């Protein structure tokens, strides 16, 4: 799977809405997310910060998954 296909798969999986929590969502896509290349500075660890914010009650479940999808979109399609 190339970078573009991997990103598309992650975004489709996140959009499916079948997750009970951001932790479940990241469990499903985290391996593919970490294998993406050419991440801008700070994007690799962004899911950890999103999960921390959700756990602290700062953001909702929907917002946390939306932020994770936004992080994926920040990564280039080709490296």
C-alpha atoms as a PDB file:
ATOM      1  CA  UNK A   1       0.000   0.000   0.000  1.00  0.00           C
ATOM      2  CA  UNK A   2       1.436   3.388  -0.909  1.00  0.00           C
ATOM      3  CA  UNK A   3       1.174   6.598   1.103  1.00  0.00           C
ATOM      4  CA  UNK A   4      -1.952   7.886  -0.659  1.00  0.00           C
ATOM      5  CA  UNK A   5      -3.761   4.552  -0.332  1.00  0.00           C
ATOM      6  CA  UNK A   6      -2.785   4.283   3.329  1.00  0.00           C
ATOM      7  CA  UNK A   7      -4.107   7.783   4.061  1.00  0.00           C
ATOM      8  CA  UNK A   8      -7.355   7.026   2.194  1.00  0.00           C
ATOM      9  CA  UNK A   9      -7.819   3.800   4.168  1.00  0.00           C
ATOM     10  CA  UNK A  10      -7.260   5.588   7.479  1.00  0.00           C
ATOM     11  CA  UNK A  11      -9.705   8.383   6.604  1.00  0.00           C
ATOM     12  CA  UNK A  12     -12.347   5.904   5.394  1.00  0.00           C
ATOM     13  CA  UNK A  13     -11.956   3.842   8.550  1.00  0.00           C
ATOM     14  CA  UNK A  14     -12.293   6.911  10.777  1.00  0.00           C
ATOM     15  CA  UNK A  15     -15.322   8.120   8.804  1.00  0.00           C
ATOM     16  CA  UNK A  16     -17.101   4.790   9.274  1.00  0.00           C
ATOM     17  CA  UNK A  17     -18.188   5.944  12.731  1.00  0.00           C
ATOM     18  CA  UNK A  18     -18.044   2.477  14.233  1.00  0.00           C
ATOM     19  CA  UNK A  19     -15.883   3.441  17.197  1.00  0.00           C
ATOM     20  CA  UNK A  20     -16.953   3.808  20.803  1.00  0.00           C
ATOM     21  CA  UNK A  21     -13.967   5.973  21.715  1.00  0.00           C
ATOM     22  CA  UNK A  22     -10.917   7.696  20.289  1.00  0.00           C
ATOM     23  CA  UNK A  23      -8.868   4.925  21.857  1.00  0.00           C
ATOM     24  CA  UNK A  24     -10.781   2.361  19.766  1.00  0.00           C
ATOM     25  CA  UNK A  25     -10.303   4.453  16.642  1.00  0.00           C
ATOM     26  CA  UNK A  26      -6.571   4.837  17.203  1.00  0.00           C
ATOM     27  CA  UNK A  27      -6.250   1.134  18.004  1.00  0.00           C
ATOM     28  CA  UNK A  28      -7.765   0.396  14.581  1.00  0.00           C
ATOM     29  CA  UNK A  29      -5.669   2.858  12.550  1.00  0.00           C
ATOM     30  CA  UNK A  30      -2.622   3.581  14.718  1.00  0.00           C
ATOM     31  CA  UNK A  31      -0.284   1.101  13.063  1.00  0.00           C
ATOM     32  CA  UNK A  32      -1.014   2.477   9.612  1.00  0.00           C
ATOM     33  CA  UNK A  33      -0.827   6.042  10.943  1.00  0.00           C
ATOM     34  CA  UNK A  34       2.626   5.469  12.416  1.00  0.00           C
ATOM     35  CA  UNK A  35       3.836   3.943   9.145  1.00  0.00           C
ATOM     36  CA  UNK A  36       3.032   7.103   7.156  1.00  0.00           C
ATOM     37  CA  UNK A  37       6.146   8.920   5.983  1.00  0.00           C
ATOM     38  CA  UNK A  38       7.048  12.588   5.726  1.00  0.00           C
ATOM     39  CA  UNK A  39       5.014  13.746   8.696  1.00  0.00           C
ATOM     40  CA  UNK A  40       5.322  17.434   9.529  1.00  0.00           C
ATOM     41  CA  UNK A  41       6.920  18.196  12.892  1.00  0.00           C
ATOM     42  CA  UNK A  42       4.618  17.293  15.787  1.00  0.00           C
ATOM     43  CA  UNK A  43       2.094  15.305  13.771  1.00  0.00           C
ATOM     44  CA  UNK A  44       3.457  11.874  14.731  1.00  0.00           C
ATOM     45  CA  UNK A  45       2.640  12.458  18.413  1.00  0.00           C
ATOM     46  CA  UNK A  46      -0.559  14.424  17.819  1.00  0.00           C
ATOM     47  CA  UNK A  47      -2.832  11.392  18.459  1.00  0.00           C
ATOM     48  CA  UNK A  48      -1.392  11.144  21.989  1.00  0.00           C
ATOM     49  CA  UNK A  49      -2.331  14.765  22.672  1.00  0.00           C
ATOM     50  CA  UNK A  50      -5.813  14.267  21.223  1.00  0.00           C
ATOM     51  CA  UNK A  51      -6.370  11.223  23.441  1.00  0.00           C
ATOM     52  CA  UNK A  52      -5.106  13.158  26.482  1.00  0.00           C
ATOM     53  CA  UNK A  53      -7.499  16.038  25.726  1.00  0.00           C
ATOM     54  CA  UNK A  54     -10.397  13.607  25.343  1.00  0.00           C
ATOM     55  CA  UNK A  55      -9.517  11.845  28.594  1.00  0.00           C
ATOM     56  CA  UNK A  56      -9.377  15.218  30.360  1.00  0.00           C
ATOM     57  CA  UNK A  57     -12.851  16.069  29.052  1.00  0.00           C
ATOM     58  CA  UNK A  58     -11.606  19.008  26.982  1.00  0.00           C
ATOM     59  CA  UNK A  59     -13.019  17.678  23.708  1.00  0.00           C
ATOM     60  CA  UNK A  60     -15.888  15.403  22.699  1.00  0.00           C
ATOM     61  CA  UNK A  61     -15.611  11.973  21.121  1.00  0.00           C
ATOM     62  CA  UNK A  62     -16.707  13.294  17.728  1.00  0.00           C
ATOM     63  CA  UNK A  63     -14.237  16.175  17.890  1.00  0.00           C
ATOM     64  CA  UNK A  64     -11.378  13.857  18.878  1.00  0.00           C
ATOM     65  CA  UNK A  65     -11.914  11.608  15.854  1.00  0.00           C
ATOM     66  CA  UNK A  66     -12.273  14.689  13.645  1.00  0.00           C
ATOM     67  CA  UNK A  67      -8.937  15.995  14.957  1.00  0.00           C
ATOM     68  CA  UNK A  68      -7.287  12.650  14.243  1.00  0.00           C
ATOM     69  CA  UNK A  69      -8.610  12.760  10.665  1.00  0.00           C
ATOM     70  CA  UNK A  70      -7.293  16.329  10.344  1.00  0.00           C
ATOM     71  CA  UNK A  71      -3.864  15.125  11.477  1.00  0.00           C
ATOM     72  CA  UNK A  72      -3.907  12.495   8.710  1.00  0.00           C
ATOM     73  CA  UNK A  73      -4.831  15.143   6.138  1.00  0.00           C
ATOM     74  CA  UNK A  74      -1.759  17.207   7.129  1.00  0.00           C
ATOM     75  CA  UNK A  75       0.551  14.420   5.971  1.00  0.00           C
ATOM     76  CA  UNK A  76       1.687  14.585   2.324  1.00  0.00           C
ATOM     77  CA  UNK A  77       0.220  12.086  -0.149  1.00  0.00           C
ATOM     78  CA  UNK A  78       3.618  11.402  -1.636  1.00  0.00           C
ATOM     79  CA  UNK A  79       7.113  11.427  -0.185  1.00  0.00           C
END
